[in-house]
Amino acid sequence: MIWADSNSLKVISARGLPYHGDSEIIGNNNNGNYLGILGLISEYDPFSKNHLEEFGNKEKGHLSYISKTIFNEVILLLKTNVMHYITNEIKISKYYSIIMDSTPELSKVDQVTIVIRCCTKSDVQERLLESEPIESHTGQSIYDVLEKLLSNVGLNIEDCRGQSYDNAYE
């Protein structure tokens, strides 16, 4: 079942699709892409089918590695590993530039996006590090988000050699 989970994650992530739907019930049309793909795989894989029948559609309090709680924990672990890889790449490069922009998302919440640009041994890389809700578009508010991110990932602001901002005003 693990190969089905990881391959489902790869397909959904590569296409930028949402993971969850309105329901966590396997077989429900509104259960989202993740459970939908697992349900499809189970139609052709007896092991997956048995696993979903035994552990799927359980109520709260029952162990299930396909619940949205566990799924979100896996996504958080993946994010942590990717961030560690990217920040190590930046630290090896030493110097970097920051690109920040803010825009409202679909739910009308303003978010600031932080991209780091650095030169590796082979080419120039731009890496999305964060997309964080912001209270306002002031320079201070945007800087606070940046300062928190750099502190969390262990990057030194003194190694920043370029900055690009949009939608910031005092």
N, C-alpha and C. Protein backbone atom coordinates (compact mmCIF):
# COMPACT_ATOMS: atom_id res chain seq x y z
N MET A 1 0.83 -1.20 0.00
CA MET A 1 0.00 0.00 0.00
C MET A 1 0.87 1.25 0.00
N ILE A 2 2.09 1.13 0.54
CA ILE A 2 2.97 2.30 0.61
C ILE A 2 3.28 2.82 -0.78
N TRP A 3 3.55 1.92 -1.73
CA TRP A 3 3.86 2.40 -3.09
C TRP A 3 2.68 3.16 -3.67
N ALA A 4 1.47 2.74 -3.36
CA ALA A 4 0.28 3.43 -3.87
C ALA A 4 0.19 4.82 -3.26
N ASP A 5 0.46 4.91 -1.95
CA ASP A 5 0.42 6.21 -1.28
C ASP A 5 1.44 7.17 -1.88
N SER A 6 2.69 6.71 -2.01
CA SER A 6 3.74 7.61 -2.49
C SER A 6 3.53 7.98 -3.95
N ASN A 7 3.08 7.04 -4.76
CA ASN A 7 2.82 7.37 -6.17
C ASN A 7 1.63 8.30 -6.30
N SER A 8 0.63 8.12 -5.47
CA SER A 8 -0.52 9.03 -5.48
C SER A 8 -0.07 10.44 -5.13
N LEU A 9 0.79 10.55 -4.11
CA LEU A 9 1.31 11.86 -3.72
C LEU A 9 2.07 12.51 -4.86
N LYS A 10 2.89 11.72 -5.57
CA LYS A 10 3.67 12.26 -6.68
C LYS A 10 2.76 12.80 -7.79
N VAL A 11 1.75 12.04 -8.15
CA VAL A 11 0.84 12.45 -9.22
C VAL A 11 0.08 13.72 -8.84
N ILE A 12 -0.48 13.73 -7.65
CA ILE A 12 -1.27 14.88 -7.19
C ILE A 12 -0.40 16.12 -7.08
N SER A 13 0.80 15.96 -6.48
CA SER A 13 1.70 17.09 -6.30
C SER A 13 2.19 17.65 -7.62
N ALA A 14 2.58 16.77 -8.53
CA ALA A 14 3.11 17.21 -9.82
C ALA A 14 2.09 18.01 -10.62
N ARG A 15 0.82 17.75 -10.40
CA ARG A 15 -0.23 18.44 -11.13
C ARG A 15 -0.82 19.62 -10.35
N GLY A 16 -0.34 19.82 -9.13
CA GLY A 16 -0.83 20.94 -8.31
C GLY A 16 -2.28 20.80 -7.92
N LEU A 17 -2.74 19.58 -7.73
CA LEU A 17 -4.14 19.32 -7.39
C LEU A 17 -4.35 19.30 -5.88
N PRO A 18 -5.56 19.58 -5.42
CA PRO A 18 -5.84 19.46 -3.99
C PRO A 18 -5.87 17.99 -3.57
N TYR A 19 -5.44 17.70 -2.37
CA TYR A 19 -5.40 16.33 -1.88
C TYR A 19 -6.74 15.88 -1.34
N HIS A 20 -7.36 16.73 -0.52
CA HIS A 20 -8.57 16.35 0.20
C HIS A 20 -9.82 16.90 -0.47
N GLY A 21 -10.92 16.23 -0.22
CA GLY A 21 -12.21 16.71 -0.68
C GLY A 21 -13.07 17.04 0.53
N ASP A 22 -14.38 17.00 0.34
CA ASP A 22 -15.31 17.32 1.42
C ASP A 22 -15.59 16.11 2.31
N SER A 23 -15.17 14.93 1.88
CA SER A 23 -15.49 13.70 2.59
C SER A 23 -14.22 12.85 2.74
N GLU A 24 -14.15 12.05 3.80
CA GLU A 24 -13.06 11.09 3.97
C GLU A 24 -13.54 9.67 3.76
N ILE A 25 -14.67 9.51 3.13
CA ILE A 25 -15.25 8.19 2.92
C ILE A 25 -14.79 7.66 1.56
N ILE A 26 -14.15 6.50 1.60
CA ILE A 26 -13.67 5.87 0.38
C ILE A 26 -14.89 5.43 -0.43
N GLY A 27 -14.89 5.77 -1.70
CA GLY A 27 -16.01 5.46 -2.57
C GLY A 27 -16.93 6.65 -2.78
N ASN A 28 -16.83 7.66 -1.94
CA ASN A 28 -17.64 8.87 -2.07
C ASN A 28 -17.04 9.74 -3.17
N ASN A 29 -17.87 10.29 -4.03
CA ASN A 29 -17.38 11.12 -5.15
C ASN A 29 -16.72 12.42 -4.70
N ASN A 30 -16.95 12.84 -3.47
CA ASN A 30 -16.38 14.09 -2.96
C ASN A 30 -15.22 13.86 -1.99
N ASN A 31 -14.56 12.70 -2.10
CA ASN A 31 -13.51 12.39 -1.13
C ASN A 31 -12.13 12.93 -1.52
N GLY A 32 -12.02 13.58 -2.62
CA GLY A 32 -10.75 14.20 -3.01
C GLY A 32 -9.88 13.31 -3.88
N ASN A 33 -8.81 13.89 -4.37
CA ASN A 33 -7.94 13.20 -5.31
C ASN A 33 -7.16 12.05 -4.68
N TYR A 34 -6.68 12.24 -3.46
CA TYR A 34 -5.87 11.22 -2.80
C TYR A 34 -6.67 9.94 -2.58
N LEU A 35 -7.79 10.04 -1.89
CA LEU A 35 -8.60 8.85 -1.64
C LEU A 35 -9.21 8.32 -2.93
N GLY A 36 -9.49 9.19 -3.88
CA GLY A 36 -10.01 8.76 -5.17
C GLY A 36 -9.01 7.88 -5.92
N ILE A 37 -7.75 8.30 -5.92
CA ILE A 37 -6.71 7.50 -6.59
C ILE A 37 -6.49 6.18 -5.86
N LEU A 38 -6.48 6.22 -4.51
CA LEU A 38 -6.32 4.98 -3.76
C LEU A 38 -7.48 4.02 -4.04
N GLY A 39 -8.67 4.55 -4.14
CA GLY A 39 -9.83 3.72 -4.49
C GLY A 39 -9.70 3.10 -5.86
N LEU A 40 -9.20 3.89 -6.82
CA LEU A 40 -8.99 3.37 -8.18
C LEU A 40 -7.94 2.26 -8.18
N ILE A 41 -6.84 2.48 -7.50
CA ILE A 41 -5.79 1.46 -7.42
C ILE A 41 -6.32 0.19 -6.79
N SER A 42 -7.17 0.31 -5.77
CA SER A 42 -7.68 -0.87 -5.08
C SER A 42 -8.57 -1.73 -5.97
N GLU A 43 -9.11 -1.15 -7.02
CA GLU A 43 -9.92 -1.94 -7.95
C GLU A 43 -9.06 -2.95 -8.72
N TYR A 44 -7.77 -2.69 -8.84
CA TYR A 44 -6.88 -3.55 -9.63
C TYR A 44 -5.82 -4.25 -8.78
N ASP A 45 -5.69 -3.89 -7.52
CA ASP A 45 -4.68 -4.46 -6.64
C ASP A 45 -5.36 -5.07 -5.42
N PRO A 46 -5.36 -6.41 -5.31
CA PRO A 46 -6.05 -7.07 -4.20
C PRO A 46 -5.52 -6.66 -2.82
N PHE A 47 -4.21 -6.44 -2.69
CA PHE A 47 -3.66 -6.04 -1.40
C PHE A 47 -4.21 -4.69 -0.98
N SER A 48 -4.22 -3.74 -1.92
CA SER A 48 -4.75 -2.40 -1.62
C SER A 48 -6.24 -2.48 -1.29
N LYS A 49 -6.96 -3.29 -2.03
CA LYS A 49 -8.39 -3.44 -1.78
C LYS A 49 -8.64 -3.97 -0.38
N ASN A 50 -7.89 -4.99 0.02
CA ASN A 50 -8.03 -5.56 1.36
C ASN A 50 -7.68 -4.52 2.44
N HIS A 51 -6.61 -3.75 2.20
CA HIS A 51 -6.19 -2.73 3.15
C HIS A 51 -7.27 -1.67 3.33
N LEU A 52 -7.83 -1.19 2.23
CA LEU A 52 -8.87 -0.16 2.32
C LEU A 52 -10.14 -0.70 2.97
N GLU A 53 -10.48 -1.95 2.70
CA GLU A 53 -11.66 -2.54 3.34
C GLU A 53 -11.46 -2.69 4.84
N GLU A 54 -10.22 -3.05 5.24
CA GLU A 54 -9.96 -3.25 6.66
C GLU A 54 -9.78 -1.95 7.43
N PHE A 55 -9.08 -0.97 6.82
CA PHE A 55 -8.73 0.25 7.56
C PHE A 55 -9.45 1.51 7.07
N GLY A 56 -10.07 1.47 5.92
CA GLY A 56 -10.76 2.64 5.39
C GLY A 56 -12.11 2.85 6.04
N ASN A 57 -12.62 4.07 5.92
CA ASN A 57 -13.95 4.44 6.41
C ASN A 57 -14.15 4.16 7.90
N LYS A 58 -13.07 4.25 8.66
CA LYS A 58 -13.16 4.08 10.11
C LYS A 58 -13.54 5.42 10.74
N GLU A 59 -14.17 5.34 11.88
CA GLU A 59 -14.53 6.56 12.60
C GLU A 59 -13.33 7.06 13.37
N LYS A 60 -13.44 8.25 13.93
CA LYS A 60 -12.35 8.83 14.72
C LYS A 60 -11.99 7.89 15.86
N GLY A 61 -10.68 7.85 16.17
CA GLY A 61 -10.20 7.01 17.25
C GLY A 61 -9.67 5.67 16.78
N HIS A 62 -9.83 5.36 15.50
CA HIS A 62 -9.31 4.11 14.95
C HIS A 62 -8.07 4.40 14.13
N LEU A 63 -7.08 3.54 14.27
CA LEU A 63 -5.82 3.70 13.53
C LEU A 63 -6.06 3.56 12.03
N SER A 64 -5.66 4.57 11.28
CA SER A 64 -5.78 4.53 9.83
C SER A 64 -4.72 5.43 9.23
N TYR A 65 -3.85 4.83 8.45
CA TYR A 65 -2.77 5.61 7.86
C TYR A 65 -3.21 6.37 6.60
N ILE A 66 -4.49 6.31 6.30
CA ILE A 66 -4.99 7.06 5.15
C ILE A 66 -5.88 8.22 5.59
N SER A 67 -5.94 8.49 6.88
CA SER A 67 -6.75 9.61 7.36
C SER A 67 -6.07 10.93 7.00
N LYS A 68 -6.84 12.01 6.96
CA LYS A 68 -6.27 13.30 6.60
C LYS A 68 -5.28 13.79 7.65
N THR A 69 -5.45 13.38 8.91
CA THR A 69 -4.51 13.78 9.96
C THR A 69 -3.13 13.20 9.69
N ILE A 70 -3.07 11.90 9.44
CA ILE A 70 -1.79 11.25 9.13
C ILE A 70 -1.25 11.78 7.82
N PHE A 71 -2.12 11.96 6.84
CA PHE A 71 -1.70 12.47 5.54
C PHE A 71 -1.05 13.84 5.69
N ASN A 72 -1.66 14.72 6.48
CA ASN A 72 -1.09 16.05 6.69
C ASN A 72 0.25 15.98 7.41
N GLU A 73 0.40 15.01 8.32
CA GLU A 73 1.69 14.82 8.98
C GLU A 73 2.76 14.39 7.98
N VAL A 74 2.40 13.51 7.07
CA VAL A 74 3.34 13.07 6.02
C VAL A 74 3.74 14.25 5.15
N ILE A 75 2.78 15.07 4.76
CA ILE A 75 3.08 16.25 3.95
C ILE A 75 4.01 17.20 4.70
N LEU A 76 3.79 17.40 6.00
CA LEU A 76 4.65 18.26 6.80
C LEU A 76 6.08 17.69 6.86
N LEU A 77 6.21 16.38 7.01
CA LEU A 77 7.54 15.75 7.00
C LEU A 77 8.22 15.93 5.66
N LEU A 78 7.47 15.76 4.57
CA LEU A 78 8.03 15.97 3.24
C LEU A 78 8.48 17.42 3.07
N LYS A 79 7.66 18.36 3.54
CA LYS A 79 8.02 19.78 3.45
C LYS A 79 9.31 20.05 4.21
N THR A 80 9.43 19.47 5.40
CA THR A 80 10.62 19.66 6.22
C THR A 80 11.86 19.13 5.49
N ASN A 81 11.75 17.95 4.88
CA ASN A 81 12.88 17.38 4.15
C ASN A 81 13.25 18.22 2.94
N VAL A 82 12.26 18.70 2.21
CA VAL A 82 12.53 19.53 1.04
C VAL A 82 13.18 20.85 1.46
N MET A 83 12.66 21.46 2.52
CA MET A 83 13.24 22.72 3.02
C MET A 83 14.68 22.52 3.46
N HIS A 84 14.96 21.41 4.12
CA HIS A 84 16.32 21.10 4.56
C HIS A 84 17.24 20.97 3.35
N TYR A 85 16.79 20.28 2.32
CA TYR A 85 17.58 20.11 1.10
C TYR A 85 17.86 21.47 0.44
N ILE A 86 16.82 22.28 0.29
CA ILE A 86 16.96 23.58 -0.37
C ILE A 86 17.87 24.50 0.43
N THR A 87 17.67 24.57 1.74
CA THR A 87 18.50 25.48 2.54
C THR A 87 19.95 25.03 2.57
N ASN A 88 20.20 23.72 2.55
CA ASN A 88 21.58 23.25 2.45
C ASN A 88 22.21 23.66 1.12
N GLU A 89 21.42 23.59 0.06
CA GLU A 89 21.89 24.02 -1.26
C GLU A 89 22.24 25.51 -1.23
N ILE A 90 21.42 26.31 -0.58
CA ILE A 90 21.67 27.75 -0.48
C ILE A 90 22.91 28.01 0.39
N LYS A 91 23.04 27.29 1.49
CA LYS A 91 24.20 27.48 2.37
C LYS A 91 25.51 27.13 1.67
N ILE A 92 25.49 26.11 0.83
CA ILE A 92 26.69 25.75 0.06
C ILE A 92 27.02 26.88 -0.92
N SER A 93 26.00 27.47 -1.53
CA SER A 93 26.20 28.58 -2.46
C SER A 93 26.66 29.84 -1.74
N LYS A 94 26.30 29.97 -0.48
CA LYS A 94 26.61 31.08 0.42
C LYS A 94 25.74 32.30 0.16
N TYR A 95 25.82 32.87 -1.04
CA TYR A 95 25.10 34.11 -1.31
C TYR A 95 23.81 33.83 -2.07
N TYR A 96 22.82 34.65 -1.81
CA TYR A 96 21.51 34.45 -2.42
C TYR A 96 20.80 35.78 -2.58
N SER A 97 19.72 35.75 -3.34
CA SER A 97 18.83 36.90 -3.48
C SER A 97 17.44 36.48 -3.03
N ILE A 98 16.68 37.46 -2.61
CA ILE A 98 15.32 37.22 -2.14
C ILE A 98 14.34 37.88 -3.11
N ILE A 99 13.31 37.14 -3.45
CA ILE A 99 12.22 37.66 -4.28
C ILE A 99 10.95 37.46 -3.47
N MET A 100 10.23 38.55 -3.20
CA MET A 100 9.00 38.46 -2.42
C MET A 100 7.87 39.16 -3.15
N ASP A 101 6.70 38.55 -3.10
CA ASP A 101 5.52 39.13 -3.72
C ASP A 101 4.32 38.72 -2.88
N SER A 102 3.30 39.53 -2.88
CA SER A 102 2.09 39.16 -2.15
C SER A 102 0.90 39.24 -3.08
N THR A 103 -0.05 38.37 -2.80
CA THR A 103 -1.25 38.31 -3.61
C THR A 103 -2.35 37.62 -2.80
N PRO A 104 -3.60 37.94 -3.04
CA PRO A 104 -4.67 37.22 -2.35
C PRO A 104 -4.85 35.83 -2.98
N GLU A 105 -5.08 34.82 -2.13
CA GLU A 105 -5.37 33.49 -2.64
C GLU A 105 -6.87 33.39 -2.92
N LEU A 106 -7.34 32.22 -3.32
CA LEU A 106 -8.74 32.05 -3.67
C LEU A 106 -9.69 32.42 -2.54
N SER A 107 -9.28 32.20 -1.29
CA SER A 107 -10.14 32.52 -0.16
C SER A 107 -10.02 33.98 0.26
N LYS A 108 -9.37 34.80 -0.58
CA LYS A 108 -9.23 36.25 -0.36
C LYS A 108 -8.29 36.61 0.79
N VAL A 109 -7.43 35.67 1.19
CA VAL A 109 -6.43 35.92 2.23
C VAL A 109 -5.13 36.35 1.54
N ASP A 110 -4.60 37.50 1.93
CA ASP A 110 -3.32 37.95 1.35
C ASP A 110 -2.19 37.08 1.84
N GLN A 111 -1.37 36.62 0.91
CA GLN A 111 -0.21 35.80 1.25
C GLN A 111 1.02 36.39 0.62
N VAL A 112 2.14 36.31 1.34
CA VAL A 112 3.42 36.72 0.78
C VAL A 112 4.16 35.44 0.40
N THR A 113 4.75 35.47 -0.77
CA THR A 113 5.52 34.34 -1.27
C THR A 113 7.00 34.74 -1.25
N ILE A 114 7.83 33.82 -0.71
CA ILE A 114 9.26 34.08 -0.62
C ILE A 114 10.00 33.07 -1.48
N VAL A 115 10.75 33.59 -2.45
CA VAL A 115 11.57 32.78 -3.34
C VAL A 115 13.02 33.18 -3.13
N ILE A 116 13.88 32.18 -3.04
CA ILE A 116 15.32 32.43 -2.92
C ILE A 116 15.97 32.06 -4.23
N ARG A 117 16.85 32.92 -4.69
CA ARG A 117 17.60 32.68 -5.93
C ARG A 117 19.07 32.57 -5.57
N CYS A 118 19.71 31.48 -6.03
CA CYS A 118 21.13 31.30 -5.75
C CYS A 118 21.81 30.57 -6.91
N CYS A 119 23.12 30.68 -6.96
CA CYS A 119 23.91 30.00 -7.98
C CYS A 119 24.48 28.73 -7.39
N THR A 120 24.18 27.60 -8.02
CA THR A 120 24.78 26.34 -7.62
C THR A 120 25.99 26.08 -8.51
N LYS A 121 26.62 24.94 -8.34
CA LYS A 121 27.80 24.62 -9.16
C LYS A 121 27.44 24.50 -10.65
N SER A 122 26.19 24.12 -10.92
CA SER A 122 25.82 23.88 -12.32
C SER A 122 24.93 24.95 -12.94
N ASP A 123 24.13 25.65 -12.15
CA ASP A 123 23.22 26.63 -12.74
C ASP A 123 22.65 27.57 -11.68
N VAL A 124 21.73 28.42 -12.10
CA VAL A 124 21.04 29.33 -11.19
C VAL A 124 19.70 28.69 -10.82
N GLN A 125 19.41 28.69 -9.52
CA GLN A 125 18.19 28.07 -9.02
C GLN A 125 17.30 29.12 -8.36
N GLU A 126 16.02 29.00 -8.58
CA GLU A 126 15.03 29.78 -7.83
C GLU A 126 14.16 28.78 -7.09
N ARG A 127 14.08 28.92 -5.78
CA ARG A 127 13.36 27.97 -4.95
C ARG A 127 12.30 28.68 -4.10
N LEU A 128 11.08 28.21 -4.22
CA LEU A 128 10.00 28.71 -3.36
C LEU A 128 10.22 28.16 -1.96
N LEU A 129 10.35 29.07 -0.99
CA LEU A 129 10.56 28.64 0.39
C LEU A 129 9.32 28.76 1.25
N GLU A 130 8.49 29.74 0.97
CA GLU A 130 7.36 29.96 1.87
C GLU A 130 6.24 30.70 1.16
N SER A 131 5.04 30.41 1.59
CA SER A 131 3.86 31.17 1.21
C SER A 131 3.08 31.34 2.50
N GLU A 132 3.06 32.55 3.01
CA GLU A 132 2.58 32.81 4.36
C GLU A 132 1.54 33.93 4.35
N PRO A 133 0.43 33.75 5.08
CA PRO A 133 -0.54 34.85 5.20
C PRO A 133 0.09 36.07 5.87
N ILE A 134 -0.31 37.27 5.43
CA ILE A 134 0.20 38.49 6.05
C ILE A 134 -0.97 39.35 6.52
N GLU A 135 -0.69 40.13 7.55
CA GLU A 135 -1.69 41.02 8.13
C GLU A 135 -1.88 42.26 7.26
N SER A 136 -0.75 42.80 6.76
CA SER A 136 -0.83 44.03 5.97
C SER A 136 0.31 44.02 4.95
N HIS A 137 0.27 44.99 4.06
CA HIS A 137 1.29 45.12 3.02
C HIS A 137 2.41 46.08 3.41
N THR A 138 2.51 46.41 4.67
CA THR A 138 3.58 47.33 5.08
C THR A 138 4.93 46.62 4.99
N GLY A 139 5.96 47.41 4.82
CA GLY A 139 7.31 46.87 4.76
C GLY A 139 7.65 46.09 6.02
N GLN A 140 7.20 46.59 7.17
CA GLN A 140 7.49 45.92 8.44
C GLN A 140 6.84 44.55 8.51
N SER A 141 5.59 44.46 8.08
CA SER A 141 4.87 43.19 8.11
C SER A 141 5.55 42.15 7.21
N ILE A 142 5.94 42.58 6.02
CA ILE A 142 6.61 41.67 5.09
C ILE A 142 7.99 41.28 5.61
N TYR A 143 8.71 42.25 6.19
CA TYR A 143 10.02 41.94 6.75
C TYR A 143 9.91 40.94 7.91
N ASP A 144 8.89 41.08 8.74
CA ASP A 144 8.71 40.16 9.87
C ASP A 144 8.56 38.71 9.39
N VAL A 145 7.82 38.51 8.31
CA VAL A 145 7.65 37.17 7.74
C VAL A 145 9.00 36.66 7.24
N LEU A 146 9.75 37.52 6.54
CA LEU A 146 11.05 37.14 6.02
C LEU A 146 12.02 36.80 7.15
N GLU A 147 12.07 37.65 8.16
CA GLU A 147 12.99 37.44 9.28
C GLU A 147 12.69 36.11 9.99
N LYS A 148 11.43 35.81 10.18
CA LYS A 148 11.03 34.56 10.82
C LYS A 148 11.46 33.36 9.99
N LEU A 149 11.24 33.42 8.68
CA LEU A 149 11.63 32.31 7.80
C LEU A 149 13.14 32.10 7.82
N LEU A 150 13.91 33.17 7.63
CA LEU A 150 15.37 33.03 7.61
C LEU A 150 15.89 32.47 8.92
N SER A 151 15.31 32.89 10.02
CA SER A 151 15.71 32.38 11.33
C SER A 151 15.39 30.89 11.44
N ASN A 152 14.20 30.49 11.00
CA ASN A 152 13.78 29.09 11.10
C ASN A 152 14.64 28.15 10.26
N VAL A 153 15.10 28.60 9.10
CA VAL A 153 15.89 27.72 8.22
C VAL A 153 17.39 27.92 8.38
N GLY A 154 17.80 28.89 9.21
CA GLY A 154 19.21 29.08 9.49
C GLY A 154 19.99 29.80 8.41
N LEU A 155 19.33 30.70 7.68
CA LEU A 155 20.03 31.50 6.68
C LEU A 155 20.36 32.87 7.26
N ASN A 156 21.53 33.36 6.93
CA ASN A 156 22.01 34.64 7.44
C ASN A 156 21.61 35.75 6.46
N ILE A 157 20.94 36.76 6.96
CA ILE A 157 20.51 37.89 6.12
C ILE A 157 21.72 38.62 5.52
N GLU A 158 22.87 38.54 6.17
CA GLU A 158 24.07 39.21 5.67
C GLU A 158 24.61 38.56 4.39
N ASP A 159 24.16 37.34 4.08
CA ASP A 159 24.57 36.68 2.84
C ASP A 159 23.64 37.01 1.68
N CYS A 160 22.60 37.81 1.96
CA CYS A 160 21.66 38.22 0.92
C CYS A 160 22.32 39.32 0.08
N ARG A 161 22.35 39.12 -1.24
CA ARG A 161 23.00 40.07 -2.14
C ARG A 161 22.03 40.80 -3.06
N GLY A 162 20.76 40.46 -2.99
CA GLY A 162 19.78 41.14 -3.83
C GLY A 162 18.38 40.97 -3.26
N GLN A 163 17.53 41.96 -3.50
CA GLN A 163 16.17 41.91 -2.99
C GLN A 163 15.21 42.43 -4.05
N SER A 164 14.06 41.78 -4.12
CA SER A 164 13.02 42.22 -5.02
C SER A 164 11.69 42.07 -4.31
N TYR A 165 10.94 43.15 -4.22
CA TYR A 165 9.67 43.14 -3.51
C TYR A 165 8.58 43.72 -4.40
N ASP A 166 7.34 43.29 -4.17
CA ASP A 166 6.22 43.84 -4.88
C ASP A 166 5.07 44.00 -3.88
N ASN A 167 4.22 44.96 -4.11
CA ASN A 167 3.05 45.23 -3.28
C ASN A 167 3.39 45.64 -1.85
N ALA A 168 4.56 46.19 -1.61
CA ALA A 168 4.91 46.64 -0.25
C ALA A 168 4.82 48.16 -0.22
N TYR A 169 4.23 48.68 0.84
CA TYR A 169 4.19 50.12 1.01
C TYR A 169 4.12 50.44 2.50
N GLU A 170 4.49 51.61 2.86
CA GLU A 170 4.48 52.04 4.26
C GLU A 170 3.13 52.58 4.64
